[in-house]
Amino acid sequence: MQRVCFLLKVRTDRLEEYRSRHSAVWPDMLAALRETGWHNYSLFLREDGLLVGYLETEDFAAAQAAMERTEVNARWQAEMAPFFEDLDGRPDEGMTPLAEVFHLA
């Protein structure tokens, strides 16, 4: 299982709305994530807007590609894009994995 961690930056003036949107993620989005191989997916948000994402998957590139092919992902990314700073394109395209340097098994 591949562990993936990434960083994004949420606009500080949209933090509360971002939290609210993620307290009620669309059921079809949740289903699509599960069906395309996203496991233990978590988002952590700091008050300055730093967003840390973590997930586990067999193949991150394949999981991203599978989500790319879903209709719900296109809708979700369009809705979420205005929440982010320093992002060229969709939020899911800005999810560049960090290099793992240590893991306690």
PDB file of N, CA and C in Angstrom:
ATOM      1  N   MET A   1       0.852  -1.184   0.000  1.00  0.00           N
ATOM      2  CA  MET A   1       0.000   0.000   0.000  1.00  0.00           C
ATOM      3  C   MET A   1       0.892   1.239   0.000  1.00  0.00           C
ATOM      4  N   GLN A   2       0.610   2.141  -0.877  1.00  0.00           N
ATOM      5  CA  GLN A   2       1.357   3.396  -0.976  1.00  0.00           C
ATOM      6  C   GLN A   2       0.714   4.432  -0.057  1.00  0.00           C
ATOM      7  N   ARG A   3       1.528   5.106   0.759  1.00  0.00           N
ATOM      8  CA  ARG A   3       1.065   6.209   1.593  1.00  0.00           C
ATOM      9  C   ARG A   3       1.392   7.509   0.863  1.00  0.00           C
ATOM     10  N   VAL A   4       0.414   8.394   0.773  1.00  0.00           N
ATOM     11  CA  VAL A   4       0.583   9.644   0.025  1.00  0.00           C
ATOM     12  C   VAL A   4       0.221  10.810   0.941  1.00  0.00           C
ATOM     13  N   CYS A   5       1.100  11.798   0.976  1.00  0.00           N
ATOM     14  CA  CYS A   5       0.841  13.028   1.728  1.00  0.00           C
ATOM     15  C   CYS A   5       1.084  14.198   0.783  1.00  0.00           C
ATOM     16  N   PHE A   6       0.220  15.200   0.849  1.00  0.00           N
ATOM     17  CA  PHE A   6       0.359  16.374  -0.009  1.00  0.00           C
ATOM     18  C   PHE A   6      -0.070  17.620   0.757  1.00  0.00           C
ATOM     19  N   LEU A   7       0.365  18.779   0.257  1.00  0.00           N
ATOM     20  CA  LEU A   7       0.028  20.068   0.854  1.00  0.00           C
ATOM     21  C   LEU A   7      -0.678  20.944  -0.165  1.00  0.00           C
ATOM     22  N   LEU A   8      -1.658  21.688   0.296  1.00  0.00           N
ATOM     23  CA  LEU A   8      -2.304  22.739  -0.482  1.00  0.00           C
ATOM     24  C   LEU A   8      -2.536  23.916   0.459  1.00  0.00           C
ATOM     25  N   LYS A   9      -2.934  25.056  -0.078  1.00  0.00           N
ATOM     26  CA  LYS A   9      -3.165  26.245   0.746  1.00  0.00           C
ATOM     27  C   LYS A   9      -4.578  26.754   0.506  1.00  0.00           C
ATOM     28  N   VAL A  10      -5.396  26.713   1.557  1.00  0.00           N
ATOM     29  CA  VAL A  10      -6.764  27.230   1.508  1.00  0.00           C
ATOM     30  C   VAL A  10      -6.732  28.720   1.844  1.00  0.00           C
ATOM     31  N   ARG A  11      -7.499  29.492   1.118  1.00  0.00           N
ATOM     32  CA  ARG A  11      -7.585  30.932   1.394  1.00  0.00           C
ATOM     33  C   ARG A  11      -8.132  31.138   2.812  1.00  0.00           C
ATOM     34  N   THR A  12      -7.485  31.972   3.588  1.00  0.00           N
ATOM     35  CA  THR A  12      -7.899  32.158   4.983  1.00  0.00           C
ATOM     36  C   THR A  12      -9.301  32.742   5.105  1.00  0.00           C
ATOM     37  N   ASP A  13      -9.739  33.510   4.109  1.00  0.00           N
ATOM     38  CA  ASP A  13     -11.090  34.069   4.170  1.00  0.00           C
ATOM     39  C   ASP A  13     -12.163  33.037   3.816  1.00  0.00           C
ATOM     40  N   ARG A  14     -11.758  31.809   3.458  1.00  0.00           N
ATOM     41  CA  ARG A  14     -12.720  30.761   3.083  1.00  0.00           C
ATOM     42  C   ARG A  14     -12.620  29.531   3.984  1.00  0.00           C
ATOM     43  N   LEU A  15     -11.859  29.635   5.087  1.00  0.00           N
ATOM     44  CA  LEU A  15     -11.628  28.470   5.945  1.00  0.00           C
ATOM     45  C   LEU A  15     -12.909  27.865   6.496  1.00  0.00           C
ATOM     46  N   GLU A  16     -13.787  28.678   7.026  1.00  0.00           N
ATOM     47  CA  GLU A  16     -15.015  28.151   7.626  1.00  0.00           C
ATOM     48  C   GLU A  16     -15.896  27.469   6.588  1.00  0.00           C
ATOM     49  N   GLU A  17     -16.015  28.077   5.430  1.00  0.00           N
ATOM     50  CA  GLU A  17     -16.823  27.468   4.376  1.00  0.00           C
ATOM     51  C   GLU A  17     -16.176  26.170   3.882  1.00  0.00           C
ATOM     52  N   TYR A  18     -14.850  26.149   3.801  1.00  0.00           N
ATOM     53  CA  TYR A  18     -14.146  24.926   3.392  1.00  0.00           C
ATOM     54  C   TYR A  18     -14.434  23.799   4.389  1.00  0.00           C
ATOM     55  N   ARG A  19     -14.344  24.113   5.667  1.00  0.00           N
ATOM     56  CA  ARG A  19     -14.660  23.109   6.701  1.00  0.00           C
ATOM     57  C   ARG A  19     -16.105  22.631   6.553  1.00  0.00           C
ATOM     58  N   SER A  20     -17.002  23.564   6.360  1.00  0.00           N
ATOM     59  CA  SER A  20     -18.417  23.232   6.230  1.00  0.00           C
ATOM     60  C   SER A  20     -18.658  22.306   5.040  1.00  0.00           C
ATOM     61  N   ARG A  21     -18.042  22.596   3.907  1.00  0.00           N
ATOM     62  CA  ARG A  21     -18.213  21.747   2.727  1.00  0.00           C
ATOM     63  C   ARG A  21     -17.723  20.328   2.991  1.00  0.00           C
ATOM     64  N   HIS A  22     -16.667  20.211   3.774  1.00  0.00           N
ATOM     65  CA  HIS A  22     -16.114  18.877   4.038  1.00  0.00           C
ATOM     66  C   HIS A  22     -16.827  18.150   5.182  1.00  0.00           C
ATOM     67  N   SER A  23     -17.703  18.821   5.863  1.00  0.00           N
ATOM     68  CA  SER A  23     -18.521  18.129   6.860  1.00  0.00           C
ATOM     69  C   SER A  23     -19.730  17.472   6.196  1.00  0.00           C
ATOM     70  N   ALA A  24     -19.930  17.800   4.912  1.00  0.00           N
ATOM     71  CA  ALA A  24     -21.066  17.242   4.169  1.00  0.00           C
ATOM     72  C   ALA A  24     -20.650  16.935   2.733  1.00  0.00           C
ATOM     73  N   VAL A  25     -19.610  16.134   2.583  1.00  0.00           N
ATOM     74  CA  VAL A  25     -19.156  15.757   1.233  1.00  0.00           C
ATOM     75  C   VAL A  25     -20.267  14.959   0.561  1.00  0.00           C
ATOM     76  N   TRP A  26     -20.476  15.224  -0.708  1.00  0.00           N
ATOM     77  CA  TRP A  26     -21.531  14.558  -1.461  1.00  0.00           C
ATOM     78  C   TRP A  26     -21.372  13.037  -1.395  1.00  0.00           C
ATOM     79  N   PRO A  27     -22.445  12.320  -1.167  1.00  0.00           N
ATOM     80  CA  PRO A  27     -22.365  10.854  -1.119  1.00  0.00           C
ATOM     81  C   PRO A  27     -21.765  10.239  -2.379  1.00  0.00           C
ATOM     82  N   ASP A  28     -22.070  10.805  -3.556  1.00  0.00           N
ATOM     83  CA  ASP A  28     -21.498  10.233  -4.775  1.00  0.00           C
ATOM     84  C   ASP A  28     -20.001  10.499  -4.897  1.00  0.00           C
ATOM     85  N   MET A  29     -19.522  11.581  -4.273  1.00  0.00           N
ATOM     86  CA  MET A  29     -18.080  11.840  -4.240  1.00  0.00           C
ATOM     87  C   MET A  29     -17.396  10.840  -3.315  1.00  0.00           C
ATOM     88  N   LEU A  30     -17.986  10.596  -2.153  1.00  0.00           N
ATOM     89  CA  LEU A  30     -17.425   9.611  -1.223  1.00  0.00           C
ATOM     90  C   LEU A  30     -17.368   8.232  -1.870  1.00  0.00           C
ATOM     91  N   ALA A  31     -18.427   7.860  -2.557  1.00  0.00           N
ATOM     92  CA  ALA A  31     -18.470   6.558  -3.219  1.00  0.00           C
ATOM     93  C   ALA A  31     -17.405   6.471  -4.305  1.00  0.00           C
ATOM     94  N   ALA A  32     -17.251   7.533  -5.081  1.00  0.00           N
ATOM     95  CA  ALA A  32     -16.246   7.528  -6.149  1.00  0.00           C
ATOM     96  C   ALA A  32     -14.840   7.375  -5.590  1.00  0.00           C
ATOM     97  N   LEU A  33     -14.546   8.069  -4.508  1.00  0.00           N
ATOM     98  CA  LEU A  33     -13.221   7.934  -3.884  1.00  0.00           C
ATOM     99  C   LEU A  33     -12.963   6.491  -3.464  1.00  0.00           C
ATOM    100  N   ARG A  34     -13.937   5.905  -2.801  1.00  0.00           N
ATOM    101  CA  ARG A  34     -13.775   4.513  -2.360  1.00  0.00           C
ATOM    102  C   ARG A  34     -13.603   3.567  -3.546  1.00  0.00           C
ATOM    103  N   GLU A  35     -14.440   3.753  -4.551  1.00  0.00           N
ATOM    104  CA  GLU A  35     -14.427   2.859  -5.718  1.00  0.00           C
ATOM    105  C   GLU A  35     -13.159   2.985  -6.553  1.00  0.00           C
ATOM    106  N   THR A  36     -12.472   4.120  -6.468  1.00  0.00           N
ATOM    107  CA  THR A  36     -11.271   4.325  -7.274  1.00  0.00           C
ATOM    108  C   THR A  36      -9.976   4.100  -6.490  1.00  0.00           C
ATOM    109  N   GLY A  37     -10.102   3.556  -5.283  1.00  0.00           N
ATOM    110  CA  GLY A  37      -8.908   3.127  -4.557  1.00  0.00           C
ATOM    111  C   GLY A  37      -8.312   4.090  -3.556  1.00  0.00           C
ATOM    112  N   TRP A  38      -9.079   5.067  -3.098  1.00  0.00           N
ATOM    113  CA  TRP A  38      -8.597   6.002  -2.073  1.00  0.00           C
ATOM    114  C   TRP A  38      -9.012   5.440  -0.709  1.00  0.00           C
ATOM    115  N   HIS A  39      -8.039   5.152   0.147  1.00  0.00           N
ATOM    116  CA  HIS A  39      -8.297   4.576   1.466  1.00  0.00           C
ATOM    117  C   HIS A  39      -7.679   5.455   2.551  1.00  0.00           C
ATOM    118  N   ASN A  40      -8.314   5.450   3.723  1.00  0.00           N
ATOM    119  CA  ASN A  40      -7.809   6.226   4.864  1.00  0.00           C
ATOM    120  C   ASN A  40      -7.485   7.665   4.463  1.00  0.00           C
ATOM    121  N   TYR A  41      -8.339   8.253   3.653  1.00  0.00           N
ATOM    122  CA  TYR A  41      -8.124   9.608   3.152  1.00  0.00           C
ATOM    123  C   TYR A  41      -8.529  10.595   4.231  1.00  0.00           C
ATOM    124  N   SER A  42      -7.586  11.465   4.604  1.00  0.00           N
ATOM    125  CA  SER A  42      -7.825  12.478   5.628  1.00  0.00           C
ATOM    126  C   SER A  42      -7.296  13.819   5.165  1.00  0.00           C
ATOM    127  N   LEU A  43      -7.961  14.878   5.601  1.00  0.00           N
ATOM    128  CA  LEU A  43      -7.486  16.237   5.382  1.00  0.00           C
ATOM    129  C   LEU A  43      -7.346  16.908   6.733  1.00  0.00           C
ATOM    130  N   PHE A  44      -6.250  17.630   6.909  1.00  0.00           N
ATOM    131  CA  PHE A  44      -5.974  18.362   8.140  1.00  0.00           C
ATOM    132  C   PHE A  44      -5.758  19.818   7.756  1.00  0.00           C
ATOM    133  N   LEU A  45      -6.397  20.740   8.485  1.00  0.00           N
ATOM    134  CA  LEU A  45      -6.360  22.155   8.116  1.00  0.00           C
ATOM    135  C   LEU A  45      -5.867  22.995   9.293  1.00  0.00           C
ATOM    136  N   ARG A  46      -4.830  23.776   9.017  1.00  0.00           N
ATOM    137  CA  ARG A  46      -4.286  24.692  10.016  1.00  0.00           C
ATOM    138  C   ARG A  46      -4.952  26.054   9.861  1.00  0.00           C
ATOM    139  N   GLU A  47      -4.956  26.865  10.897  1.00  0.00           N
ATOM    140  CA  GLU A  47      -5.641  28.163  10.875  1.00  0.00           C
ATOM    141  C   GLU A  47      -5.087  29.143   9.857  1.00  0.00           C
ATOM    142  N   ASP A  48      -3.840  28.948   9.411  1.00  0.00           N
ATOM    143  CA  ASP A  48      -3.288  29.829   8.379  1.00  0.00           C
ATOM    144  C   ASP A  48      -3.607  29.335   6.974  1.00  0.00           C
ATOM    145  N   GLY A  49      -4.418  28.262   6.881  1.00  0.00           N
ATOM    146  CA  GLY A  49      -4.845  27.752   5.595  1.00  0.00           C
ATOM    147  C   GLY A  49      -4.037  26.577   5.067  1.00  0.00           C
ATOM    148  N   LEU A  50      -2.974  26.200   5.756  1.00  0.00           N
ATOM    149  CA  LEU A  50      -2.200  25.049   5.297  1.00  0.00           C
ATOM    150  C   LEU A  50      -3.061  23.797   5.400  1.00  0.00           C
ATOM    151  N   LEU A  51      -3.209  23.115   4.279  1.00  0.00           N
ATOM    152  CA  LEU A  51      -3.997  21.892   4.213  1.00  0.00           C
ATOM    153  C   LEU A  51      -3.046  20.724   3.968  1.00  0.00           C
ATOM    154  N   VAL A  52      -3.129  19.731   4.837  1.00  0.00           N
ATOM    155  CA  VAL A  52      -2.327  18.518   4.690  1.00  0.00           C
ATOM    156  C   VAL A  52      -3.289  17.389   4.372  1.00  0.00           C
ATOM    157  N   GLY A  53      -3.033  16.710   3.264  1.00  0.00           N
ATOM    158  CA  GLY A  53      -3.837  15.565   2.878  1.00  0.00           C
ATOM    159  C   GLY A  53      -3.033  14.291   3.011  1.00  0.00           C
ATOM    160  N   TYR A  54      -3.708  13.223   3.412  1.00  0.00           N
ATOM    161  CA  TYR A  54      -3.060  11.916   3.544  1.00  0.00           C
ATOM    162  C   TYR A  54      -4.022  10.851   3.043  1.00  0.00           C
ATOM    163  N   LEU A  55      -3.496   9.904   2.290  1.00  0.00           N
ATOM    164  CA  LEU A  55      -4.302   8.771   1.859  1.00  0.00           C
ATOM    165  C   LEU A  55      -3.404   7.573   1.637  1.00  0.00           C
ATOM    166  N   GLU A  56      -4.034   6.425   1.540  1.00  0.00           N
ATOM    167  CA  GLU A  56      -3.339   5.198   1.205  1.00  0.00           C
ATOM    168  C   GLU A  56      -4.019   4.617  -0.024  1.00  0.00           C
ATOM    169  N   THR A  57      -3.223   4.060  -0.930  1.00  0.00           N
ATOM    170  CA  THR A  57      -3.735   3.515  -2.172  1.00  0.00           C
ATOM    171  C   THR A  57      -2.730   2.532  -2.750  1.00  0.00           C
ATOM    172  N   GLU A  58      -3.201   1.658  -3.580  1.00  0.00           N
ATOM    173  CA  GLU A  58      -2.297   0.721  -4.243  1.00  0.00           C
ATOM    174  C   GLU A  58      -1.404   1.448  -5.247  1.00  0.00           C
ATOM    175  N   ASP A  59      -1.957   2.434  -5.950  1.00  0.00           N
ATOM    176  CA  ASP A  59      -1.237   3.151  -7.003  1.00  0.00           C
ATOM    177  C   ASP A  59      -1.844   4.546  -7.117  1.00  0.00           C
ATOM    178  N   PHE A  60      -1.128   5.563  -6.642  1.00  0.00           N
ATOM    179  CA  PHE A  60      -1.674   6.913  -6.597  1.00  0.00           C
ATOM    180  C   PHE A  60      -2.004   7.437  -7.991  1.00  0.00           C
ATOM    181  N   ALA A  61      -1.126   7.237  -8.945  1.00  0.00           N
ATOM    182  CA  ALA A  61      -1.395   7.715 -10.304  1.00  0.00           C
ATOM    183  C   ALA A  61      -2.654   7.069 -10.866  1.00  0.00           C
ATOM    184  N   ALA A  62      -2.823   5.769 -10.624  1.00  0.00           N
ATOM    185  CA  ALA A  62      -4.019   5.069 -11.107  1.00  0.00           C
ATOM    186  C   ALA A  62      -5.269   5.560 -10.386  1.00  0.00           C
ATOM    187  N   ALA A  63      -5.167   5.812  -9.078  1.00  0.00           N
ATOM    188  CA  ALA A  63      -6.312   6.314  -8.309  1.00  0.00           C
ATOM    189  C   ALA A  63      -6.708   7.708  -8.785  1.00  0.00           C
ATOM    190  N   GLN A  64      -5.720   8.553  -9.065  1.00  0.00           N
ATOM    191  CA  GLN A  64      -6.017   9.883  -9.591  1.00  0.00           C
ATOM    192  C   GLN A  64      -6.673   9.786 -10.967  1.00  0.00           C
ATOM    193  N   ALA A  65      -6.132   8.939 -11.816  1.00  0.00           N
ATOM    194  CA  ALA A  65      -6.682   8.784 -13.170  1.00  0.00           C
ATOM    195  C   ALA A  65      -8.113   8.262 -13.125  1.00  0.00           C
ATOM    196  N   ALA A  66      -8.385   7.332 -12.221  1.00  0.00           N
ATOM    197  CA  ALA A  66      -9.740   6.793 -12.097  1.00  0.00           C
ATOM    198  C   ALA A  66     -10.711   7.878 -11.632  1.00  0.00           C
ATOM    199  N   MET A  67     -10.290   8.705 -10.682  1.00  0.00           N
ATOM    200  CA  MET A  67     -11.149   9.810 -10.245  1.00  0.00           C
ATOM    201  C   MET A  67     -11.356  10.811 -11.362  1.00  0.00           C
ATOM    202  N   GLU A  68     -10.326  11.058 -12.148  1.00  0.00           N
ATOM    203  CA  GLU A  68     -10.411  11.994 -13.273  1.00  0.00           C
ATOM    204  C   GLU A  68     -11.522  11.598 -14.244  1.00  0.00           C
ATOM    205  N   ARG A  69     -11.784  10.317 -14.352  1.00  0.00           N
ATOM    206  CA  ARG A  69     -12.798   9.821 -15.291  1.00  0.00           C
ATOM    207  C   ARG A  69     -14.221   9.893 -14.735  1.00  0.00           C
ATOM    208  N   THR A  70     -14.378  10.279 -13.467  1.00  0.00           N
ATOM    209  CA  THR A  70     -15.727  10.350 -12.891  1.00  0.00           C
ATOM    210  C   THR A  70     -16.336  11.738 -13.102  1.00  0.00           C
ATOM    211  N   GLU A  71     -17.622  11.752 -13.321  1.00  0.00           N
ATOM    212  CA  GLU A  71     -18.343  13.015 -13.495  1.00  0.00           C
ATOM    213  C   GLU A  71     -18.379  13.805 -12.193  1.00  0.00           C
ATOM    214  N   VAL A  72     -18.543  13.112 -11.078  1.00  0.00           N
ATOM    215  CA  VAL A  72     -18.652  13.807  -9.797  1.00  0.00           C
ATOM    216  C   VAL A  72     -17.360  14.542  -9.456  1.00  0.00           C
ATOM    217  N   ASN A  73     -16.223  13.995  -9.829  1.00  0.00           N
ATOM    218  CA  ASN A  73     -14.955  14.657  -9.526  1.00  0.00           C
ATOM    219  C   ASN A  73     -14.845  15.992 -10.256  1.00  0.00           C
ATOM    220  N   ALA A  74     -15.264  16.036 -11.499  1.00  0.00           N
ATOM    221  CA  ALA A  74     -15.227  17.294 -12.248  1.00  0.00           C
ATOM    222  C   ALA A  74     -16.077  18.358 -11.555  1.00  0.00           C
ATOM    223  N   ARG A  75     -17.262  17.973 -11.103  1.00  0.00           N
ATOM    224  CA  ARG A  75     -18.136  18.920 -10.385  1.00  0.00           C
ATOM    225  C   ARG A  75     -17.508  19.368  -9.076  1.00  0.00           C
ATOM    226  N   TRP A  76     -16.957  18.404  -8.311  1.00  0.00           N
ATOM    227  CA  TRP A  76     -16.358  18.719  -7.004  1.00  0.00           C
ATOM    228  C   TRP A  76     -15.159  19.650  -7.173  1.00  0.00           C
ATOM    229  N   GLN A  77     -14.285  19.350  -8.129  1.00  0.00           N
ATOM    230  CA  GLN A  77     -13.096  20.177  -8.331  1.00  0.00           C
ATOM    231  C   GLN A  77     -13.478  21.599  -8.749  1.00  0.00           C
ATOM    232  N   ALA A  78     -14.488  21.745  -9.565  1.00  0.00           N
ATOM    233  CA  ALA A  78     -14.959  23.074  -9.968  1.00  0.00           C
ATOM    234  C   ALA A  78     -15.481  23.848  -8.768  1.00  0.00           C
ATOM    235  N   GLU A  79     -16.180  23.161  -7.869  1.00  0.00           N
ATOM    236  CA  GLU A  79     -16.708  23.816  -6.660  1.00  0.00           C
ATOM    237  C   GLU A  79     -15.592  24.199  -5.683  1.00  0.00           C
ATOM    238  N   MET A  80     -14.548  23.382  -5.596  1.00  0.00           N
ATOM    239  CA  MET A  80     -13.496  23.586  -4.613  1.00  0.00           C
ATOM    240  C   MET A  80     -12.387  24.525  -5.082  1.00  0.00           C
ATOM    241  N   ALA A  81     -12.172  24.663  -6.370  1.00  0.00           N
ATOM    242  CA  ALA A  81     -11.056  25.460  -6.889  1.00  0.00           C
ATOM    243  C   ALA A  81     -10.976  26.872  -6.298  1.00  0.00           C
ATOM    244  N   PRO A  82     -12.083  27.606  -6.133  1.00  0.00           N
ATOM    245  CA  PRO A  82     -11.983  28.970  -5.600  1.00  0.00           C
ATOM    246  C   PRO A  82     -11.501  29.051  -4.145  1.00  0.00           C
ATOM    247  N   PHE A  83     -11.443  27.939  -3.453  1.00  0.00           N
ATOM    248  CA  PHE A  83     -11.017  27.948  -2.055  1.00  0.00           C
ATOM    249  C   PHE A  83      -9.499  28.012  -1.894  1.00  0.00           C
ATOM    250  N   PHE A  84      -8.744  27.771  -2.963  1.00  0.00           N
ATOM    251  CA  PHE A  84      -7.303  27.590  -2.836  1.00  0.00           C
ATOM    252  C   PHE A  84      -6.492  28.768  -3.350  1.00  0.00           C
ATOM    253  N   GLU A  85      -5.326  28.973  -2.714  1.00  0.00           N
ATOM    254  CA  GLU A  85      -4.336  29.966  -3.131  1.00  0.00           C
ATOM    255  C   GLU A  85      -3.269  29.275  -3.970  1.00  0.00           C
ATOM    256  N   ASP A  86      -2.613  30.058  -4.799  1.00  0.00           N
ATOM    257  CA  ASP A  86      -1.429  29.586  -5.534  1.00  0.00           C
ATOM    258  C   ASP A  86      -1.657  28.262  -6.236  1.00  0.00           C
ATOM    259  N   LEU A  87      -2.757  28.166  -6.928  1.00  0.00           N
ATOM    260  CA  LEU A  87      -3.097  26.922  -7.588  1.00  0.00           C
ATOM    261  C   LEU A  87      -3.352  27.191  -9.064  1.00  0.00           C
ATOM    262  N   ASP A  88      -2.585  26.534  -9.904  1.00  0.00           N
ATOM    263  CA  ASP A  88      -2.805  26.625 -11.349  1.00  0.00           C
ATOM    264  C   ASP A  88      -3.592  25.399 -11.770  1.00  0.00           C
ATOM    265  N   GLY A  89      -4.879  25.549 -11.973  1.00  0.00           N
ATOM    266  CA  GLY A  89      -5.713  24.423 -12.349  1.00  0.00           C
ATOM    267  C   GLY A  89      -6.576  23.948 -11.205  1.00  0.00           C
ATOM    268  N   ARG A  90      -6.974  22.693 -11.310  1.00  0.00           N
ATOM    269  CA  ARG A  90      -7.882  22.104 -10.324  1.00  0.00           C
ATOM    270  C   ARG A  90      -7.111  21.662  -9.078  1.00  0.00           C
ATOM    271  N   PRO A  91      -7.794  21.640  -7.923  1.00  0.00           N
ATOM    272  CA  PRO A  91      -7.127  21.201  -6.698  1.00  0.00           C
ATOM    273  C   PRO A  91      -6.519  19.799  -6.801  1.00  0.00           C
ATOM    274  N   ASP A  92      -7.214  18.879  -7.457  1.00  0.00           N
ATOM    275  CA  ASP A  92      -6.678  17.518  -7.546  1.00  0.00           C
ATOM    276  C   ASP A  92      -5.427  17.448  -8.418  1.00  0.00           C
ATOM    277  N   GLU A  93      -5.220  18.445  -9.272  1.00  0.00           N
ATOM    278  CA  GLU A  93      -4.013  18.494 -10.081  1.00  0.00           C
ATOM    279  C   GLU A  93      -2.838  19.092  -9.309  1.00  0.00           C
ATOM    280  N   GLY A  94      -3.116  19.752  -8.188  1.00  0.00           N
ATOM    281  CA  GLY A  94      -2.073  20.351  -7.358  1.00  0.00           C
ATOM    282  C   GLY A  94      -1.613  19.452  -6.223  1.00  0.00           C
ATOM    283  N   MET A  95      -2.119  18.235  -6.193  1.00  0.00           N
ATOM    284  CA  MET A  95      -1.782  17.295  -5.114  1.00  0.00           C
ATOM    285  C   MET A  95      -0.470  16.580  -5.433  1.00  0.00           C
ATOM    286  N   THR A  96       0.643  17.263  -5.240  1.00  0.00           N
ATOM    287  CA  THR A  96       1.953  16.678  -5.502  1.00  0.00           C
ATOM    288  C   THR A  96       2.427  15.967  -4.236  1.00  0.00           C
ATOM    289  N   PRO A  97       2.641  14.662  -4.313  1.00  0.00           N
ATOM    290  CA  PRO A  97       3.046  13.925  -3.105  1.00  0.00           C
ATOM    291  C   PRO A  97       4.381  14.400  -2.549  1.00  0.00           C
ATOM    292  N   LEU A  98       4.452  14.433  -1.230  1.00  0.00           N
ATOM    293  CA  LEU A  98       5.712  14.705  -0.544  1.00  0.00           C
ATOM    294  C   LEU A  98       6.523  13.414  -0.488  1.00  0.00           C
ATOM    295  N   ALA A  99       7.828  13.531  -0.425  1.00  0.00           N
ATOM    296  CA  ALA A  99       8.691  12.357  -0.305  1.00  0.00           C
ATOM    297  C   ALA A  99       8.647  11.839   1.131  1.00  0.00           C
ATOM    298  N   GLU A 100       8.364  10.574   1.291  1.00  0.00           N
ATOM    299  CA  GLU A 100       8.379   9.982   2.619  1.00  0.00           C
ATOM    300  C   GLU A 100       9.819   9.703   3.031  1.00  0.00           C
ATOM    301  N   VAL A 101      10.204  10.213   4.198  1.00  0.00           N
ATOM    302  CA  VAL A 101      11.570  10.016   4.667  1.00  0.00           C
ATOM    303  C   VAL A 101      11.663   9.111   5.886  1.00  0.00           C
ATOM    304  N   PHE A 102      10.525   8.812   6.505  1.00  0.00           N
ATOM    305  CA  PHE A 102      10.521   7.915   7.657  1.00  0.00           C
ATOM    306  C   PHE A 102       9.125   7.357   7.839  1.00  0.00           C
ATOM    307  N   HIS A 103       9.069   6.094   8.262  1.00  0.00           N
ATOM    308  CA  HIS A 103       7.793   5.454   8.583  1.00  0.00           C
ATOM    309  C   HIS A 103       8.042   4.426   9.682  1.00  0.00           C
ATOM    310  N   LEU A 104       7.351   4.551  10.802  1.00  0.00           N
ATOM    311  CA  LEU A 104       7.436   3.579  11.883  1.00  0.00           C
ATOM    312  C   LEU A 104       6.418   2.492  11.621  1.00  0.00           C
ATOM    313  N   ALA A 105       6.871   1.337  11.255  1.00  0.00           N
ATOM    314  CA  ALA A 105       5.971   0.232  10.938  1.00  0.00           C
ATOM    315  C   ALA A 105       5.560  -0.511  12.203  1.00  0.00           C
TER     316      ALA A 105
END
